[in-house]
Amino acid sequence: MVASGSNSGIVDGMRHRRYYIQTLSTSGRVVPSTGGDLVVAAKEQTGDLDWELIHRSSERYVIKQEPYDLEMAGPEGSFSGPAILVRSDGRSHVFRGVGKLEGFTTADFA
């Protein structure tokens, strides 16, 4: 189990890492942002990588539920990858990664 507030660890056989994201672009459109969390996880047995972004906009921002190329940046680096918008209420947006997350390697779990 990982300690509260930690950015990485192992929970139930899943290695994970959390990054604070300050800026987000969806297929070239800059989202007015207050920030969010990029969560990257991998099963210890297989190493299969999953990632998701939970991001909050600073104003109401309508995003259609469709695929996007995300570009994300925060204090720990820049990341990019294809994702699908899973849900949005106009302020809080949840994207699920559907391909390679550029800017991340499994060495980042260490």
PDB file of N, CA and C in Angstrom:
ATOM      1  N   MET A   1       0.855  -1.180   0.000  1.00  0.00           N
ATOM      2  CA  MET A   1       0.000   0.000   0.000  1.00  0.00           C
ATOM      3  C   MET A   1       0.894   1.233   0.000  1.00  0.00           C
ATOM      4  N   VAL A   2       0.470   2.258  -0.691  1.00  0.00           N
ATOM      5  CA  VAL A   2       1.245   3.486  -0.805  1.00  0.00           C
ATOM      6  C   VAL A   2       0.771   4.494   0.231  1.00  0.00           C
ATOM      7  N   ALA A   3       1.668   5.285   0.756  1.00  0.00           N
ATOM      8  CA  ALA A   3       1.300   6.295   1.748  1.00  0.00           C
ATOM      9  C   ALA A   3       0.501   7.412   1.096  1.00  0.00           C
ATOM     10  N   SER A   4      -0.423   7.988   1.830  1.00  0.00           N
ATOM     11  CA  SER A   4      -1.223   9.095   1.330  1.00  0.00           C
ATOM     12  C   SER A   4      -0.320  10.252   0.915  1.00  0.00           C
ATOM     13  N   GLY A   5      -0.606  10.824  -0.263  1.00  0.00           N
ATOM     14  CA  GLY A   5       0.180  11.961  -0.726  1.00  0.00           C
ATOM     15  C   GLY A   5       1.370  11.562  -1.574  1.00  0.00           C
ATOM     16  N   SER A   6       1.661  10.279  -1.674  1.00  0.00           N
ATOM     17  CA  SER A   6       2.791   9.820  -2.473  1.00  0.00           C
ATOM     18  C   SER A   6       2.439   9.860  -3.955  1.00  0.00           C
ATOM     19  N   ASN A   7       3.452  10.061  -4.819  1.00  0.00           N
ATOM     20  CA  ASN A   7       3.230  10.112  -6.263  1.00  0.00           C
ATOM     21  C   ASN A   7       3.373   8.769  -6.946  1.00  0.00           C
ATOM     22  N   SER A   8       3.899   7.754  -6.249  1.00  0.00           N
ATOM     23  CA  SER A   8       4.048   6.448  -6.873  1.00  0.00           C
ATOM     24  C   SER A   8       3.989   5.359  -5.822  1.00  0.00           C
ATOM     25  N   GLY A   9       3.786   4.122  -6.280  1.00  0.00           N
ATOM     26  CA  GLY A   9       3.744   3.008  -5.362  1.00  0.00           C
ATOM     27  C   GLY A   9       3.150   1.783  -6.011  1.00  0.00           C
ATOM     28  N   ILE A  10       2.804   0.799  -5.168  1.00  0.00           N
ATOM     29  CA  ILE A  10       2.184  -0.442  -5.620  1.00  0.00           C
ATOM     30  C   ILE A  10       0.951  -0.683  -4.765  1.00  0.00           C
ATOM     31  N   VAL A  11      -0.187  -0.885  -5.431  1.00  0.00           N
ATOM     32  CA  VAL A  11      -1.441  -1.188  -4.751  1.00  0.00           C
ATOM     33  C   VAL A  11      -2.086  -2.350  -5.476  1.00  0.00           C
ATOM     34  N   ASP A  12      -2.408  -3.431  -4.736  1.00  0.00           N
ATOM     35  CA  ASP A  12      -3.093  -4.599  -5.305  1.00  0.00           C
ATOM     36  C   ASP A  12      -2.442  -5.096  -6.594  1.00  0.00           C
ATOM     37  N   GLY A  13      -1.120  -5.199  -6.610  1.00  0.00           N
ATOM     38  CA  GLY A  13      -0.413  -5.718  -7.771  1.00  0.00           C
ATOM     39  C   GLY A  13      -0.308  -4.761  -8.942  1.00  0.00           C
ATOM     40  N   MET A  14      -0.655  -3.495  -8.711  1.00  0.00           N
ATOM     41  CA  MET A  14      -0.567  -2.482  -9.762  1.00  0.00           C
ATOM     42  C   MET A  14       0.457  -1.428  -9.352  1.00  0.00           C
ATOM     43  N   ARG A  15       1.455  -1.190 -10.197  1.00  0.00           N
ATOM     44  CA  ARG A  15       2.370  -0.075  -9.979  1.00  0.00           C
ATOM     45  C   ARG A  15       1.682   1.162 -10.529  1.00  0.00           C
ATOM     46  N   HIS A  16       1.836   2.274  -9.850  1.00  0.00           N
ATOM     47  CA  HIS A  16       1.191   3.484 -10.338  1.00  0.00           C
ATOM     48  C   HIS A  16       2.042   4.719 -10.084  1.00  0.00           C
ATOM     49  N   ARG A  17       1.745   5.755 -10.849  1.00  0.00           N
ATOM     50  CA  ARG A  17       2.432   7.034 -10.702  1.00  0.00           C
ATOM     51  C   ARG A  17       1.433   8.136 -11.029  1.00  0.00           C
ATOM     52  N   ARG A  18       1.445   9.194 -10.246  1.00  0.00           N
ATOM     53  CA  ARG A  18       0.540  10.330 -10.432  1.00  0.00           C
ATOM     54  C   ARG A  18       1.364  11.580 -10.717  1.00  0.00           C
ATOM     55  N   TYR A  19       0.918  12.346 -11.713  1.00  0.00           N
ATOM     56  CA  TYR A  19       1.567  13.598 -12.081  1.00  0.00           C
ATOM     57  C   TYR A  19       0.543  14.729 -12.021  1.00  0.00           C
ATOM     58  N   TYR A  20       0.945  15.860 -11.485  1.00  0.00           N
ATOM     59  CA  TYR A  20       0.089  17.042 -11.516  1.00  0.00           C
ATOM     60  C   TYR A  20       0.241  17.693 -12.886  1.00  0.00           C
ATOM     61  N   ILE A  21      -0.875  17.949 -13.553  1.00  0.00           N
ATOM     62  CA  ILE A  21      -0.881  18.548 -14.882  1.00  0.00           C
ATOM     63  C   ILE A  21      -1.447  19.960 -14.782  1.00  0.00           C
ATOM     64  N   GLN A  22      -0.675  20.931 -15.262  1.00  0.00           N
ATOM     65  CA  GLN A  22      -1.094  22.334 -15.210  1.00  0.00           C
ATOM     66  C   GLN A  22      -1.768  22.798 -16.493  1.00  0.00           C
ATOM     67  N   THR A  23      -1.266  22.326 -17.647  1.00  0.00           N
ATOM     68  CA  THR A  23      -1.822  22.768 -18.923  1.00  0.00           C
ATOM     69  C   THR A  23      -2.239  21.572 -19.767  1.00  0.00           C
ATOM     70  N   LEU A  24      -3.296  21.768 -20.542  1.00  0.00           N
ATOM     71  CA  LEU A  24      -3.849  20.708 -21.379  1.00  0.00           C
ATOM     72  C   LEU A  24      -4.293  21.289 -22.709  1.00  0.00           C
ATOM     73  N   SER A  25      -3.940  20.586 -23.780  1.00  0.00           N
ATOM     74  CA  SER A  25      -4.459  20.880 -25.119  1.00  0.00           C
ATOM     75  C   SER A  25      -5.126  19.621 -25.644  1.00  0.00           C
ATOM     76  N   THR A  26      -6.319  19.784 -26.238  1.00  0.00           N
ATOM     77  CA  THR A  26      -7.043  18.669 -26.827  1.00  0.00           C
ATOM     78  C   THR A  26      -7.049  18.860 -28.338  1.00  0.00           C
ATOM     79  N   SER A  27      -6.270  18.040 -29.033  1.00  0.00           N
ATOM     80  CA  SER A  27      -6.145  18.130 -30.498  1.00  0.00           C
ATOM     81  C   SER A  27      -5.864  19.568 -30.939  1.00  0.00           C
ATOM     82  N   GLY A  28      -4.939  20.218 -30.229  1.00  0.00           N
ATOM     83  CA  GLY A  28      -4.501  21.560 -30.575  1.00  0.00           C
ATOM     84  C   GLY A  28      -5.268  22.696 -29.920  1.00  0.00           C
ATOM     85  N   ARG A  29      -6.381  22.414 -29.262  1.00  0.00           N
ATOM     86  CA  ARG A  29      -7.164  23.457 -28.576  1.00  0.00           C
ATOM     87  C   ARG A  29      -6.747  23.529 -27.112  1.00  0.00           C
ATOM     88  N   VAL A  30      -6.320  24.700 -26.672  1.00  0.00           N
ATOM     89  CA  VAL A  30      -5.901  24.887 -25.282  1.00  0.00           C
ATOM     90  C   VAL A  30      -7.143  24.943 -24.398  1.00  0.00           C
ATOM     91  N   VAL A  31      -7.136  24.140 -23.340  1.00  0.00           N
ATOM     92  CA  VAL A  31      -8.241  24.106 -22.380  1.00  0.00           C
ATOM     93  C   VAL A  31      -7.913  25.081 -21.249  1.00  0.00           C
ATOM     94  N   PRO A  32      -8.816  26.027 -20.932  1.00  0.00           N
ATOM     95  CA  PRO A  32      -8.567  26.903 -19.778  1.00  0.00           C
ATOM     96  C   PRO A  32      -8.553  26.037 -18.521  1.00  0.00           C
ATOM     97  N   SER A  33      -7.446  26.048 -17.783  1.00  0.00           N
ATOM     98  CA  SER A  33      -7.231  25.021 -16.760  1.00  0.00           C
ATOM     99  C   SER A  33      -7.001  25.540 -15.356  1.00  0.00           C
ATOM    100  N   THR A  34      -7.483  24.761 -14.395  1.00  0.00           N
ATOM    101  CA  THR A  34      -7.061  24.935 -13.009  1.00  0.00           C
ATOM    102  C   THR A  34      -6.130  23.792 -12.622  1.00  0.00           C
ATOM    103  N   GLY A  35      -6.065  22.748 -13.451  1.00  0.00           N
ATOM    104  CA  GLY A  35      -5.136  21.645 -13.214  1.00  0.00           C
ATOM    105  C   GLY A  35      -5.825  20.311 -13.143  1.00  0.00           C
ATOM    106  N   GLY A  36      -5.010  19.279 -12.986  1.00  0.00           N
ATOM    107  CA  GLY A  36      -5.553  17.932 -12.914  1.00  0.00           C
ATOM    108  C   GLY A  36      -4.482  16.914 -12.607  1.00  0.00           C
ATOM    109  N   ASP A  37      -4.885  15.655 -12.657  1.00  0.00           N
ATOM    110  CA  ASP A  37      -3.987  14.545 -12.355  1.00  0.00           C
ATOM    111  C   ASP A  37      -3.927  13.572 -13.514  1.00  0.00           C
ATOM    112  N   LEU A  38      -2.707  13.250 -13.917  1.00  0.00           N
ATOM    113  CA  LEU A  38      -2.451  12.176 -14.858  1.00  0.00           C
ATOM    114  C   LEU A  38      -2.051  10.968 -14.021  1.00  0.00           C
ATOM    115  N   VAL A  39      -2.778   9.870 -14.161  1.00  0.00           N
ATOM    116  CA  VAL A  39      -2.488   8.656 -13.405  1.00  0.00           C
ATOM    117  C   VAL A  39      -2.080   7.572 -14.398  1.00  0.00           C
ATOM    118  N   VAL A  40      -0.892   7.002 -14.167  1.00  0.00           N
ATOM    119  CA  VAL A  40      -0.356   5.943 -15.018  1.00  0.00           C
ATOM    120  C   VAL A  40      -0.236   4.692 -14.151  1.00  0.00           C
ATOM    121  N   ALA A  41      -0.719   3.552 -14.670  1.00  0.00           N
ATOM    122  CA  ALA A  41      -0.677   2.308 -13.899  1.00  0.00           C
ATOM    123  C   ALA A  41      -0.266   1.149 -14.792  1.00  0.00           C
ATOM    124  N   ALA A  42       0.373   0.151 -14.178  1.00  0.00           N
ATOM    125  CA  ALA A  42       0.765  -1.056 -14.900  1.00  0.00           C
ATOM    126  C   ALA A  42       0.626  -2.250 -13.975  1.00  0.00           C
ATOM    127  N   LYS A  43       0.127  -3.357 -14.515  1.00  0.00           N
ATOM    128  CA  LYS A  43       0.069  -4.603 -13.750  1.00  0.00           C
ATOM    129  C   LYS A  43       1.484  -5.121 -13.581  1.00  0.00           C
ATOM    130  N   GLU A  44       1.813  -5.515 -12.365  1.00  0.00           N
ATOM    131  CA  GLU A  44       3.176  -6.013 -12.109  1.00  0.00           C
ATOM    132  C   GLU A  44       3.487  -7.256 -12.933  1.00  0.00           C
ATOM    133  N   GLN A  45       2.503  -8.150 -13.105  1.00  0.00           N
ATOM    134  CA  GLN A  45       2.741  -9.409 -13.811  1.00  0.00           C
ATOM    135  C   GLN A  45       2.987  -9.210 -15.296  1.00  0.00           C
ATOM    136  N   THR A  46       2.264  -8.290 -15.930  1.00  0.00           N
ATOM    137  CA  THR A  46       2.338  -8.164 -17.386  1.00  0.00           C
ATOM    138  C   THR A  46       3.034  -6.892 -17.857  1.00  0.00           C
ATOM    139  N   GLY A  47       3.023  -5.855 -17.045  1.00  0.00           N
ATOM    140  CA  GLY A  47       3.598  -4.577 -17.443  1.00  0.00           C
ATOM    141  C   GLY A  47       2.695  -3.764 -18.354  1.00  0.00           C
ATOM    142  N   ASP A  48       1.477  -4.281 -18.637  1.00  0.00           N
ATOM    143  CA  ASP A  48       0.538  -3.542 -19.481  1.00  0.00           C
ATOM    144  C   ASP A  48       0.255  -2.179 -18.861  1.00  0.00           C
ATOM    145  N   LEU A  49       0.358  -1.135 -19.666  1.00  0.00           N
ATOM    146  CA  LEU A  49       0.239   0.240 -19.190  1.00  0.00           C
ATOM    147  C   LEU A  49      -1.148   0.811 -19.477  1.00  0.00           C
ATOM    148  N   ASP A  50      -1.741   1.437 -18.467  1.00  0.00           N
ATOM    149  CA  ASP A  50      -3.001   2.168 -18.593  1.00  0.00           C
ATOM    150  C   ASP A  50      -2.761   3.580 -18.085  1.00  0.00           C
ATOM    151  N   TRP A  51      -3.460   4.552 -18.683  1.00  0.00           N
ATOM    152  CA  TRP A  51      -3.341   5.919 -18.178  1.00  0.00           C
ATOM    153  C   TRP A  51      -4.651   6.656 -18.347  1.00  0.00           C
ATOM    154  N   GLU A  52      -4.828   7.652 -17.476  1.00  0.00           N
ATOM    155  CA  GLU A  52      -6.053   8.437 -17.475  1.00  0.00           C
ATOM    156  C   GLU A  52      -5.740   9.836 -16.953  1.00  0.00           C
ATOM    157  N   LEU A  53      -6.461  10.804 -17.465  1.00  0.00           N
ATOM    158  CA  LEU A  53      -6.307  12.188 -17.028  1.00  0.00           C
ATOM    159  C   LEU A  53      -7.637  12.684 -16.494  1.00  0.00           C
ATOM    160  N   ILE A  54      -7.633  13.210 -15.283  1.00  0.00           N
ATOM    161  CA  ILE A  54      -8.785  13.880 -14.684  1.00  0.00           C
ATOM    162  C   ILE A  54      -8.386  15.343 -14.586  1.00  0.00           C
ATOM    163  N   HIS A  55      -9.057  16.198 -15.352  1.00  0.00           N
ATOM    164  CA  HIS A  55      -8.635  17.593 -15.471  1.00  0.00           C
ATOM    165  C   HIS A  55      -9.814  18.533 -15.244  1.00  0.00           C
ATOM    166  N   ARG A  56      -9.546  19.654 -14.604  1.00  0.00           N
ATOM    167  CA  ARG A  56     -10.593  20.626 -14.316  1.00  0.00           C
ATOM    168  C   ARG A  56     -10.314  21.919 -15.077  1.00  0.00           C
ATOM    169  N   SER A  57     -11.343  22.396 -15.781  1.00  0.00           N
ATOM    170  CA  SER A  57     -11.185  23.661 -16.505  1.00  0.00           C
ATOM    171  C   SER A  57     -11.557  24.824 -15.591  1.00  0.00           C
ATOM    172  N   SER A  58     -10.970  25.965 -15.859  1.00  0.00           N
ATOM    173  CA  SER A  58     -11.179  27.151 -15.016  1.00  0.00           C
ATOM    174  C   SER A  58     -12.494  27.851 -15.336  1.00  0.00           C
ATOM    175  N   GLU A  59     -13.113  27.461 -16.418  1.00  0.00           N
ATOM    176  CA  GLU A  59     -14.417  27.999 -16.795  1.00  0.00           C
ATOM    177  C   GLU A  59     -15.171  26.880 -17.507  1.00  0.00           C
ATOM    178  N   ARG A  60     -16.461  27.068 -17.684  1.00  0.00           N
ATOM    179  CA  ARG A  60     -17.229  26.040 -18.393  1.00  0.00           C
ATOM    180  C   ARG A  60     -16.622  25.862 -19.782  1.00  0.00           C
ATOM    181  N   TYR A  61     -16.298  24.613 -20.119  1.00  0.00           N
ATOM    182  CA  TYR A  61     -15.632  24.302 -21.376  1.00  0.00           C
ATOM    183  C   TYR A  61     -16.250  23.029 -21.938  1.00  0.00           C
ATOM    184  N   VAL A  62     -16.970  23.154 -23.027  1.00  0.00           N
ATOM    185  CA  VAL A  62     -17.662  22.008 -23.619  1.00  0.00           C
ATOM    186  C   VAL A  62     -16.689  21.219 -24.491  1.00  0.00           C
ATOM    187  N   ILE A  63     -16.616  19.927 -24.222  1.00  0.00           N
ATOM    188  CA  ILE A  63     -15.783  19.016 -24.998  1.00  0.00           C
ATOM    189  C   ILE A  63     -16.678  17.859 -25.434  1.00  0.00           C
ATOM    190  N   LYS A  64     -16.671  17.543 -26.723  1.00  0.00           N
ATOM    191  CA  LYS A  64     -17.466  16.429 -27.238  1.00  0.00           C
ATOM    192  C   LYS A  64     -16.848  15.105 -26.811  1.00  0.00           C
ATOM    193  N   GLN A  65     -17.691  14.111 -26.626  1.00  0.00           N
ATOM    194  CA  GLN A  65     -17.232  12.787 -26.230  1.00  0.00           C
ATOM    195  C   GLN A  65     -16.727  12.062 -27.479  1.00  0.00           C
ATOM    196  N   GLU A  66     -15.414  12.218 -27.738  1.00  0.00           N
ATOM    197  CA  GLU A  66     -14.781  11.641 -28.916  1.00  0.00           C
ATOM    198  C   GLU A  66     -13.276  11.526 -28.674  1.00  0.00           C
ATOM    199  N   PRO A  67     -12.531  10.947 -29.610  1.00  0.00           N
ATOM    200  CA  PRO A  67     -11.071  10.811 -29.443  1.00  0.00           C
ATOM    201  C   PRO A  67     -10.358  12.158 -29.595  1.00  0.00           C
ATOM    202  N   TYR A  68      -9.246  12.292 -28.865  1.00  0.00           N
ATOM    203  CA  TYR A  68      -8.414  13.498 -28.913  1.00  0.00           C
ATOM    204  C   TYR A  68      -6.949  13.115 -28.825  1.00  0.00           C
ATOM    205  N   ASP A  69      -6.094  13.978 -29.345  1.00  0.00           N
ATOM    206  CA  ASP A  69      -4.658  13.892 -29.097  1.00  0.00           C
ATOM    207  C   ASP A  69      -4.387  14.890 -27.977  1.00  0.00           C
ATOM    208  N   LEU A  70      -3.981  14.380 -26.813  1.00  0.00           N
ATOM    209  CA  LEU A  70      -3.749  15.243 -25.655  1.00  0.00           C
ATOM    210  C   LEU A  70      -2.284  15.650 -25.568  1.00  0.00           C
ATOM    211  N   GLU A  71      -2.072  16.902 -25.199  1.00  0.00           N
ATOM    212  CA  GLU A  71      -0.752  17.402 -24.845  1.00  0.00           C
ATOM    213  C   GLU A  71      -0.882  17.981 -23.451  1.00  0.00           C
ATOM    214  N   MET A  72      -0.075  17.465 -22.520  1.00  0.00           N
ATOM    215  CA  MET A  72      -0.176  17.810 -21.106  1.00  0.00           C
ATOM    216  C   MET A  72       1.179  18.236 -20.590  1.00  0.00           C
ATOM    217  N   ALA A  73       1.194  19.198 -19.672  1.00  0.00           N
ATOM    218  CA  ALA A  73       2.463  19.627 -19.072  1.00  0.00           C
ATOM    219  C   ALA A  73       2.244  19.995 -17.622  1.00  0.00           C
ATOM    220  N   GLY A  74       3.256  19.712 -16.828  1.00  0.00           N
ATOM    221  CA  GLY A  74       3.234  20.048 -15.408  1.00  0.00           C
ATOM    222  C   GLY A  74       4.649  20.145 -14.887  1.00  0.00           C
ATOM    223  N   PRO A  75       4.807  20.305 -13.579  1.00  0.00           N
ATOM    224  CA  PRO A  75       6.133  20.492 -12.991  1.00  0.00           C
ATOM    225  C   PRO A  75       7.095  19.323 -13.219  1.00  0.00           C
ATOM    226  N   GLU A  76       6.560  18.124 -13.448  1.00  0.00           N
ATOM    227  CA  GLU A  76       7.423  16.948 -13.609  1.00  0.00           C
ATOM    228  C   GLU A  76       7.677  16.585 -15.068  1.00  0.00           C
ATOM    229  N   GLY A  77       7.128  17.369 -16.003  1.00  0.00           N
ATOM    230  CA  GLY A  77       7.402  17.081 -17.400  1.00  0.00           C
ATOM    231  C   GLY A  77       6.204  17.268 -18.309  1.00  0.00           C
ATOM    232  N   SER A  78       6.436  16.908 -19.572  1.00  0.00           N
ATOM    233  CA  SER A  78       5.397  16.996 -20.597  1.00  0.00           C
ATOM    234  C   SER A  78       5.057  15.601 -21.091  1.00  0.00           C
ATOM    235  N   PHE A  79       3.789  15.407 -21.408  1.00  0.00           N
ATOM    236  CA  PHE A  79       3.296  14.112 -21.848  1.00  0.00           C
ATOM    237  C   PHE A  79       2.331  14.336 -23.011  1.00  0.00           C
ATOM    238  N   SER A  80       2.174  13.323 -23.848  1.00  0.00           N
ATOM    239  CA  SER A  80       1.199  13.406 -24.921  1.00  0.00           C
ATOM    240  C   SER A  80       0.753  11.999 -25.292  1.00  0.00           C
ATOM    241  N   GLY A  81      -0.458  11.929 -25.844  1.00  0.00           N
ATOM    242  CA  GLY A  81      -0.961  10.645 -26.289  1.00  0.00           C
ATOM    243  C   GLY A  81      -2.417  10.712 -26.682  1.00  0.00           C
ATOM    244  N   PRO A  82      -2.875   9.690 -27.403  1.00  0.00           N
ATOM    245  CA  PRO A  82      -4.269   9.637 -27.814  1.00  0.00           C
ATOM    246  C   PRO A  82      -5.161   9.188 -26.652  1.00  0.00           C
ATOM    247  N   ALA A  83      -6.335   9.815 -26.560  1.00  0.00           N
ATOM    248  CA  ALA A  83      -7.269   9.481 -25.482  1.00  0.00           C
ATOM    249  C   ALA A  83      -8.694   9.722 -25.948  1.00  0.00           C
ATOM    250  N   ILE A  84      -9.628   9.133 -25.245  1.00  0.00           N
ATOM    251  CA  ILE A  84     -11.057   9.341 -25.488  1.00  0.00           C
ATOM    252  C   ILE A  84     -11.644  10.039 -24.279  1.00  0.00           C
ATOM    253  N   LEU A  85     -12.472  11.041 -24.532  1.00  0.00           N
ATOM    254  CA  LEU A  85     -13.184  11.688 -23.432  1.00  0.00           C
ATOM    255  C   LEU A  85     -14.239  10.718 -22.931  1.00  0.00           C
ATOM    256  N   VAL A  86     -14.118  10.318 -21.665  1.00  0.00           N
ATOM    257  CA  VAL A  86     -15.050   9.367 -21.066  1.00  0.00           C
ATOM    258  C   VAL A  86     -16.275  10.088 -20.528  1.00  0.00           C
ATOM    259  N   ARG A  87     -16.030  11.209 -19.834  1.00  0.00           N
ATOM    260  CA  ARG A  87     -17.154  11.998 -19.309  1.00  0.00           C
ATOM    261  C   ARG A  87     -16.682  13.412 -19.010  1.00  0.00           C
ATOM    262  N   SER A  88     -17.671  14.314 -19.026  1.00  0.00           N
ATOM    263  CA  SER A  88     -17.396  15.719 -18.736  1.00  0.00           C
ATOM    264  C   SER A  88     -18.689  16.367 -18.268  1.00  0.00           C
ATOM    265  N   ASP A  89     -18.566  17.239 -17.274  1.00  0.00           N
ATOM    266  CA  ASP A  89     -19.730  18.012 -16.833  1.00  0.00           C
ATOM    267  C   ASP A  89     -19.564  19.487 -17.210  1.00  0.00           C
ATOM    268  N   GLY A  90     -18.599  19.764 -18.096  1.00  0.00           N
ATOM    269  CA  GLY A  90     -18.326  21.130 -18.505  1.00  0.00           C
ATOM    270  C   GLY A  90     -17.188  21.773 -17.725  1.00  0.00           C
ATOM    271  N   ARG A  91     -16.866  21.238 -16.579  1.00  0.00           N
ATOM    272  CA  ARG A  91     -15.763  21.730 -15.730  1.00  0.00           C
ATOM    273  C   ARG A  91     -14.733  20.640 -15.447  1.00  0.00           C
ATOM    274  N   SER A  92     -15.216  19.454 -15.139  1.00  0.00           N
ATOM    275  CA  SER A  92     -14.344  18.325 -14.842  1.00  0.00           C
ATOM    276  C   SER A  92     -14.403  17.349 -16.017  1.00  0.00           C
ATOM    277  N   HIS A  93     -13.214  16.968 -16.513  1.00  0.00           N
ATOM    278  CA  HIS A  93     -13.132  16.159 -17.730  1.00  0.00           C
ATOM    279  C   HIS A  93     -12.273  14.930 -17.452  1.00  0.00           C
ATOM    280  N   VAL A  94     -12.765  13.753 -17.856  1.00  0.00           N
ATOM    281  CA  VAL A  94     -12.034  12.505 -17.645  1.00  0.00           C
ATOM    282  C   VAL A  94     -11.705  11.904 -19.005  1.00  0.00           C
ATOM    283  N   PHE A  95     -10.408  11.735 -19.251  1.00  0.00           N
ATOM    284  CA  PHE A  95      -9.925  11.147 -20.492  1.00  0.00           C
ATOM    285  C   PHE A  95      -9.268   9.804 -20.185  1.00  0.00           C
ATOM    286  N   ARG A  96      -9.488   8.828 -21.047  1.00  0.00           N
ATOM    287  CA  ARG A  96      -8.876   7.504 -20.917  1.00  0.00           C
ATOM    288  C   ARG A  96      -7.896   7.318 -22.059  1.00  0.00           C
ATOM    289  N   GLY A  97      -6.649   7.018 -21.731  1.00  0.00           N
ATOM    290  CA  GLY A  97      -5.637   6.796 -22.749  1.00  0.00           C
ATOM    291  C   GLY A  97      -5.962   5.594 -23.613  1.00  0.00           C
ATOM    292  N   VAL A  98      -5.750   5.734 -24.928  1.00  0.00           N
ATOM    293  CA  VAL A  98      -6.027   4.633 -25.852  1.00  0.00           C
ATOM    294  C   VAL A  98      -4.800   4.306 -26.707  1.00  0.00           C
ATOM    295  N   GLY A  99      -3.652   4.706 -26.241  1.00  0.00           N
ATOM    296  CA  GLY A  99      -2.418   4.435 -26.971  1.00  0.00           C
ATOM    297  C   GLY A  99      -1.216   4.809 -26.120  1.00  0.00           C
ATOM    298  N   LYS A 100      -0.081   4.863 -26.768  1.00  0.00           N
ATOM    299  CA  LYS A 100       1.186   5.148 -26.075  1.00  0.00           C
ATOM    300  C   LYS A 100       1.179   6.544 -25.447  1.00  0.00           C
ATOM    301  N   LEU A 101       1.664   6.610 -24.226  1.00  0.00           N
ATOM    302  CA  LEU A 101       1.823   7.870 -23.509  1.00  0.00           C
ATOM    303  C   LEU A 101       3.266   8.338 -23.694  1.00  0.00           C
ATOM    304  N   GLU A 102       3.463   9.313 -24.561  1.00  0.00           N
ATOM    305  CA  GLU A 102       4.801   9.849 -24.802  1.00  0.00           C
ATOM    306  C   GLU A 102       5.245  10.667 -23.578  1.00  0.00           C
ATOM    307  N   GLY A 103       6.528  10.558 -23.230  1.00  0.00           N
ATOM    308  CA  GLY A 103       7.076  11.263 -22.088  1.00  0.00           C
ATOM    309  C   GLY A 103       7.124  10.415 -20.835  1.00  0.00           C
ATOM    310  N   PHE A 104       6.624   9.175 -20.904  1.00  0.00           N
ATOM    311  CA  PHE A 104       6.615   8.267 -19.753  1.00  0.00           C
ATOM    312  C   PHE A 104       7.310   6.968 -20.145  1.00  0.00           C
ATOM    313  N   THR A 105       8.145   6.464 -19.225  1.00  0.00           N
ATOM    314  CA  THR A 105       8.724   5.132 -19.384  1.00  0.00           C
ATOM    315  C   THR A 105       8.490   4.375 -18.079  1.00  0.00           C
ATOM    316  N   THR A 106       8.536   3.064 -18.140  1.00  0.00           N
ATOM    317  CA  THR A 106       8.323   2.269 -16.936  1.00  0.00           C
ATOM    318  C   THR A 106       9.370   2.540 -15.871  1.00  0.00           C
ATOM    319  N   ALA A 107      10.522   3.077 -16.243  1.00  0.00           N
ATOM    320  CA  ALA A 107      11.542   3.469 -15.259  1.00  0.00           C
ATOM    321  C   ALA A 107      11.015   4.567 -14.333  1.00  0.00           C
ATOM    322  N   ASP A 108       9.993   5.300 -14.790  1.00  0.00           N
ATOM    323  CA  ASP A 108       9.406   6.366 -13.964  1.00  0.00           C
ATOM    324  C   ASP A 108       8.652   5.822 -12.751  1.00  0.00           C
ATOM    325  N   PHE A 109       8.363   4.521 -12.724  1.00  0.00           N
ATOM    326  CA  PHE A 109       7.710   3.926 -11.565  1.00  0.00           C
ATOM    327  C   PHE A 109       8.663   3.819 -10.373  1.00  0.00           C
ATOM    328  N   ALA A 110       9.967   3.815 -10.629  1.00  0.00           N
ATOM    329  CA  ALA A 110      10.964   3.614  -9.573  1.00  0.00           C
ATOM    330  C   ALA A 110      10.990   4.768  -8.591  1.00  0.00           C
TER     331      ALA A 110
END
